[in-house]
Amino acid sequence: MLDVTILASGSAGNATLLRCGSTHVLIDAGLSARQLSLRLESAGVETSALDGIVLTHEHGDHTSALRVLASRCDVPVFANRMTAAALEADGRCNIPRWQLFSNGATFAIGTLTFEPFQVPHDAADPVGFVIRNGDASFGVLTDLGYATASVMDRLREVQVLLIETNYDDALLQNDTKRPWSVKQRIQSRHGHLSNVAAAAIAGELSAGPLNRIVVGHLSRDCNTPELAIGCMRNHLNQRGRPEIEVHCAMQESISPTFGVGAR
């Protein structure tokens, strides 16, 4: 059994807590160190109990607490070589305990195994993950412009999927705060997933053992939980999978903890 608590998800910060027995792992650390520590405490975990921090990519909304947490807790940080190099190069992080992984090569932290795979996004070498514990499988798919055939193949057997639904097409087009060049980047093949694009991915994956979807990384200005969930729900209904649960991870508060796999 794998327990998942999403501590934050959105354009202003992302962090997900995984727990399995005595193993405690963070995927990304995109809040302030103080806020992240408070949310971990709300979930019943001390920062000193972390066995590792695993990074999807180097952007600040996924790494802002990294330097403080890594130095305060002496926790190992897992990243691929190009992500680690990007963080070191701009001076934001001086990590004492890098643990470098290679895309496509499985690695373990405690009782959890991680399968990293490359995704298209405007970062040095961004990845998604399939995390396993026994028969439990959890997919993490955030910050990507589209799903390649390789990405889809990696995720076909997951039971639970965290997927970004960054924007609603109409709200993005009508947004007056973002210049056209930014809108083009968001919509590009190395940008972010719209509600419709994410729902199409989940719809295809629904042919497998998928039983829960968590939509996340919503834009504060260009999406709403109701739009993201509604779009996802419609696609799943059209695929004949109305029983799949759909939830929304929020920026402002931690999610309820949910289990992956049978107890």
Protein backbone atom coordinates (compact mmCIF):
# COMPACT_ATOMS: atom_id res chain seq x y z
CA MET A 1 0.00 0.00 0.00
CA LEU A 2 1.24 3.47 -0.90
CA ASP A 3 -0.24 6.58 0.75
CA VAL A 4 -0.16 9.88 -1.13
CA THR A 5 -0.73 13.39 0.23
CA ILE A 6 -0.46 16.32 -2.17
CA LEU A 7 0.92 19.17 -0.08
CA ALA A 8 0.53 21.77 -2.84
CA SER A 9 -0.15 21.83 -6.56
CA GLY A 10 -0.27 24.87 -8.78
CA SER A 11 1.75 27.46 -10.64
CA ALA A 12 3.02 28.90 -7.33
CA GLY A 13 4.37 25.69 -5.80
CA ASN A 14 4.27 21.90 -5.97
CA ALA A 15 5.07 19.12 -3.50
CA THR A 16 3.73 15.59 -3.02
CA LEU A 17 4.34 13.35 -0.01
CA LEU A 18 4.62 9.58 -0.45
CA ARG A 19 4.45 7.24 2.53
CA CYS A 20 4.91 3.50 2.69
CA GLY A 21 5.64 2.00 6.09
CA SER A 22 8.66 3.84 7.47
CA THR A 23 9.57 5.33 4.06
CA HIS A 24 8.77 9.02 3.54
CA VAL A 25 9.59 10.75 0.23
CA LEU A 26 8.81 14.14 -1.27
CA ILE A 27 8.31 14.59 -4.98
CA ASP A 28 9.37 18.20 -5.57
CA ALA A 29 9.75 20.92 -2.94
CA GLY A 30 8.27 24.03 -4.52
CA LEU A 31 7.08 25.97 -1.46
CA SER A 32 9.07 28.02 1.01
CA ALA A 33 10.91 25.81 3.50
CA ARG A 34 8.73 27.13 6.32
CA GLN A 35 5.46 26.52 4.47
CA LEU A 36 6.55 23.10 3.34
CA SER A 37 7.54 22.14 6.88
CA LEU A 38 4.15 23.31 8.18
CA ARG A 39 2.29 21.26 5.58
CA LEU A 40 4.39 18.21 6.33
CA GLU A 41 3.54 18.62 10.01
CA SER A 42 -0.15 18.90 9.10
CA ALA A 43 0.23 15.55 7.36
CA GLY A 44 1.89 14.11 10.47
CA VAL A 45 5.47 14.01 9.16
CA GLU A 46 8.54 15.81 10.48
CA THR A 47 11.05 17.06 7.93
CA SER A 48 13.71 15.02 9.70
CA ALA A 49 11.78 11.86 8.77
CA LEU A 50 12.23 12.37 5.02
CA ASP A 51 14.22 9.67 3.24
CA GLY A 52 14.58 11.64 0.04
CA ILE A 53 13.42 14.50 -2.18
CA VAL A 54 12.85 13.49 -5.81
CA LEU A 55 12.78 16.20 -8.49
CA THR A 56 10.82 16.33 -11.71
CA HIS A 57 12.77 19.38 -12.98
CA GLU A 58 14.56 22.52 -11.81
CA HIS A 59 11.88 25.24 -12.05
CA GLY A 60 11.37 27.27 -8.88
CA ASP A 61 7.78 26.16 -8.31
CA HIS A 62 9.21 22.65 -7.83
CA THR A 63 12.48 23.43 -6.01
CA SER A 64 12.24 26.63 -3.96
CA ALA A 65 12.62 24.91 -0.55
CA LEU A 66 15.37 22.60 -1.72
CA ARG A 67 18.49 24.30 -0.41
CA VAL A 68 17.10 24.91 3.07
CA LEU A 69 15.57 21.47 3.46
CA ALA A 70 18.61 19.64 2.12
CA SER A 71 20.97 21.45 4.47
CA ARG A 72 18.68 21.40 7.51
CA CYS A 73 17.69 17.75 7.29
CA ASP A 74 20.70 16.27 5.48
CA VAL A 75 18.21 14.57 3.17
CA PRO A 76 19.41 13.14 -0.16
CA VAL A 77 18.09 14.84 -3.30
CA PHE A 78 17.37 12.62 -6.32
CA ALA A 79 17.56 14.18 -9.78
CA ASN A 80 18.91 13.38 -13.21
CA ARG A 81 22.27 14.88 -14.15
CA MET A 82 21.00 17.78 -16.25
CA THR A 83 18.46 18.90 -13.64
CA ALA A 84 21.13 18.86 -10.92
CA ALA A 85 23.53 20.77 -13.17
CA ALA A 86 20.90 23.42 -13.94
CA LEU A 87 20.25 23.99 -10.24
CA GLU A 88 23.94 24.17 -9.41
CA ALA A 89 24.71 26.47 -12.35
CA ASP A 90 22.40 29.30 -11.31
CA GLY A 91 23.60 29.25 -7.70
CA ARG A 92 20.23 28.48 -6.17
CA CYS A 93 21.28 25.16 -4.70
CA ASN A 94 24.37 23.75 -3.13
CA ILE A 95 23.17 20.23 -2.37
CA PRO A 96 25.44 18.17 -0.13
CA ARG A 97 23.87 14.82 -1.04
CA TRP A 98 22.94 14.55 -4.70
CA GLN A 99 21.73 11.13 -5.80
CA LEU A 100 21.77 11.11 -9.59
CA PHE A 101 19.47 8.86 -11.59
CA SER A 102 19.24 8.15 -15.31
CA ASN A 103 15.99 8.49 -17.22
CA GLY A 104 14.55 5.06 -17.89
CA ALA A 105 16.51 3.41 -15.07
CA THR A 106 14.58 2.33 -11.97
CA PHE A 107 15.89 3.36 -8.55
CA ALA A 108 14.66 2.69 -5.02
CA ILE A 109 14.15 4.73 -1.88
CA GLY A 110 13.26 2.48 1.02
CA THR A 111 10.37 0.27 -0.05
CA LEU A 112 9.43 2.47 -3.04
CA THR A 113 10.71 2.09 -6.59
CA PHE A 114 10.79 5.02 -9.02
CA GLU A 115 10.69 4.77 -12.79
CA PRO A 116 11.64 8.17 -14.31
CA PHE A 117 10.77 8.96 -17.93
CA GLN A 118 11.41 12.02 -20.05
CA VAL A 119 8.60 14.49 -20.78
CA PRO A 120 8.50 17.48 -23.18
CA HIS A 121 8.73 20.74 -21.21
CA ASP A 122 10.90 23.86 -21.30
CA ALA A 123 13.38 22.67 -18.67
CA ALA A 124 16.83 21.05 -18.80
CA ASP A 125 15.68 17.41 -18.67
CA PRO A 126 12.18 17.16 -17.13
CA VAL A 127 10.70 13.83 -16.10
CA GLY A 128 7.54 12.12 -14.93
CA PHE A 129 7.48 9.09 -12.67
CA VAL A 130 5.76 5.81 -12.07
CA ILE A 131 6.18 4.91 -8.39
CA ARG A 132 5.55 1.36 -7.24
CA ASN A 133 5.25 -0.57 -4.02
CA GLY A 134 4.34 -4.18 -4.65
CA ASP A 135 1.19 -4.13 -6.79
CA ALA A 136 0.49 -0.43 -6.12
CA SER A 137 1.39 1.99 -8.95
CA PHE A 138 1.14 5.79 -8.95
CA GLY A 139 1.87 8.00 -11.96
CA VAL A 140 3.11 11.59 -11.74
CA LEU A 141 2.67 13.64 -14.90
CA THR A 142 3.05 17.38 -14.45
CA ASP A 143 4.63 20.16 -16.52
CA LEU A 144 4.52 18.87 -20.06
CA GLY A 145 3.26 20.20 -23.36
CA TYR A 146 1.98 16.90 -24.72
CA ALA A 147 2.20 13.19 -24.03
CA THR A 148 4.56 11.30 -26.33
CA ALA A 149 3.98 7.65 -27.23
CA SER A 150 6.72 6.75 -24.75
CA VAL A 151 4.96 8.67 -21.95
CA MET A 152 1.70 6.88 -22.67
CA ASP A 153 3.40 3.49 -22.68
CA ARG A 154 4.96 4.18 -19.28
CA LEU A 155 1.61 5.06 -17.70
CA ARG A 156 -0.69 2.38 -19.10
CA GLU A 157 -0.63 0.21 -15.97
CA VAL A 158 -0.93 2.88 -13.25
CA GLN A 159 -3.84 2.71 -10.82
CA VAL A 160 -3.73 6.38 -9.77
CA LEU A 161 -2.56 9.33 -11.85
CA LEU A 162 -1.63 12.88 -10.83
CA ILE A 163 -1.85 14.91 -14.04
CA GLU A 164 -1.60 18.61 -14.72
CA THR A 165 -4.64 20.44 -16.03
CA ASN A 166 -3.00 23.81 -16.26
CA TYR A 167 -5.46 25.89 -18.23
CA ASP A 168 -8.86 26.18 -19.84
CA ASP A 169 -8.44 27.18 -23.49
CA ALA A 170 -11.06 29.96 -23.44
CA LEU A 171 -9.84 31.47 -20.17
CA LEU A 172 -6.24 31.52 -21.42
CA GLN A 173 -7.17 33.16 -24.70
CA ASN A 174 -9.24 35.82 -22.91
CA ASP A 175 -6.64 36.49 -20.20
CA THR A 176 -5.41 40.09 -20.30
CA LYS A 177 -2.47 39.63 -17.90
CA ARG A 178 -0.38 37.45 -20.21
CA PRO A 179 1.14 38.70 -23.49
CA TRP A 180 0.64 36.64 -26.62
CA SER A 181 4.20 35.29 -26.46
CA VAL A 182 3.55 33.80 -23.00
CA LYS A 183 0.28 32.26 -24.16
CA GLN A 184 2.14 30.69 -27.09
CA ARG A 185 4.74 29.21 -24.74
CA ILE A 186 2.06 27.78 -22.43
CA GLN A 187 0.24 26.18 -25.37
CA SER A 188 3.38 24.90 -27.09
CA ARG A 189 4.57 21.29 -27.20
CA HIS A 190 7.04 22.16 -24.45
CA GLY A 191 4.57 24.12 -22.35
CA HIS A 192 1.62 22.84 -20.30
CA LEU A 193 -1.44 20.63 -20.67
CA SER A 194 -4.89 22.13 -21.11
CA ASN A 195 -7.95 20.57 -19.51
CA VAL A 196 -8.89 19.00 -22.85
CA ALA A 197 -5.40 17.61 -23.52
CA ALA A 198 -5.13 16.12 -20.02
CA ALA A 199 -8.60 14.59 -20.28
CA ALA A 200 -7.70 12.99 -23.61
CA ILE A 201 -4.61 11.40 -22.04
CA ALA A 202 -6.59 10.10 -19.08
CA GLY A 203 -9.31 8.85 -21.39
CA GLU A 204 -6.82 6.72 -23.29
CA LEU A 205 -5.27 5.41 -20.07
CA SER A 206 -8.71 4.53 -18.72
CA ALA A 207 -8.55 1.33 -20.75
CA GLY A 208 -6.15 0.02 -18.09
CA PRO A 209 -6.40 -0.39 -14.30
CA LEU A 210 -6.78 3.36 -13.64
CA ASN A 211 -9.25 3.97 -10.80
CA ARG A 212 -8.43 7.50 -9.57
CA ILE A 213 -7.27 10.72 -11.23
CA VAL A 214 -6.00 13.78 -9.42
CA VAL A 215 -5.94 16.93 -11.54
CA GLY A 216 -3.37 19.50 -10.50
CA HIS A 217 -1.04 22.37 -11.36
CA LEU A 218 -4.03 24.59 -12.18
CA SER A 219 -3.37 28.15 -13.28
CA ARG A 220 -4.79 30.58 -10.75
CA ASP A 221 -6.10 32.90 -13.50
CA CYS A 222 -6.82 30.56 -16.39
CA ASN A 223 -8.59 27.59 -14.81
CA THR A 224 -10.92 26.51 -12.04
CA PRO A 225 -11.34 23.19 -10.23
CA GLU A 226 -14.89 22.95 -11.60
CA LEU A 227 -13.74 23.33 -15.21
CA ALA A 228 -10.83 20.89 -14.81
CA ILE A 229 -12.88 18.22 -13.06
CA GLY A 230 -15.86 18.69 -15.38
CA CYS A 231 -13.77 18.27 -18.52
CA MET A 232 -12.06 15.17 -17.10
CA ARG A 233 -15.38 13.70 -15.97
CA ASN A 234 -16.95 14.20 -19.41
CA HIS A 235 -14.11 12.39 -21.18
CA LEU A 236 -14.21 9.47 -18.77
CA ASN A 237 -17.96 9.16 -19.12
CA GLN A 238 -17.59 9.08 -22.91
CA ARG A 239 -15.03 6.30 -22.49
CA GLY A 240 -17.47 4.28 -20.41
CA ARG A 241 -15.50 4.72 -17.16
CA PRO A 242 -17.79 6.87 -14.96
CA GLU A 243 -16.64 4.97 -11.85
CA ILE A 244 -13.12 6.44 -11.97
CA GLU A 245 -12.77 8.95 -9.13
CA VAL A 246 -11.66 12.48 -10.04
CA HIS A 247 -10.23 14.90 -7.48
CA CYS A 248 -8.48 18.26 -7.64
CA ALA A 249 -5.20 19.08 -5.86
CA MET A 250 -5.07 22.65 -4.61
CA GLN A 251 -2.43 25.33 -4.19
CA GLU A 252 -3.69 26.70 -0.90
CA SER A 253 -4.16 23.52 1.14
CA ILE A 254 -3.07 19.91 1.40
CA SER A 255 -5.21 17.17 -0.07
CA PRO A 256 -6.74 14.36 1.96
CA THR A 257 -4.42 11.38 2.00
CA PHE A 258 -5.44 8.62 -0.39
CA GLY A 259 -4.17 5.09 -0.79
CA VAL A 260 -2.87 3.43 -3.93
CA GLY A 261 -3.30 -0.35 -4.11
CA ALA A 262 -5.31 -2.77 -1.98
CA ARG A 263 -5.01 -2.78 1.78
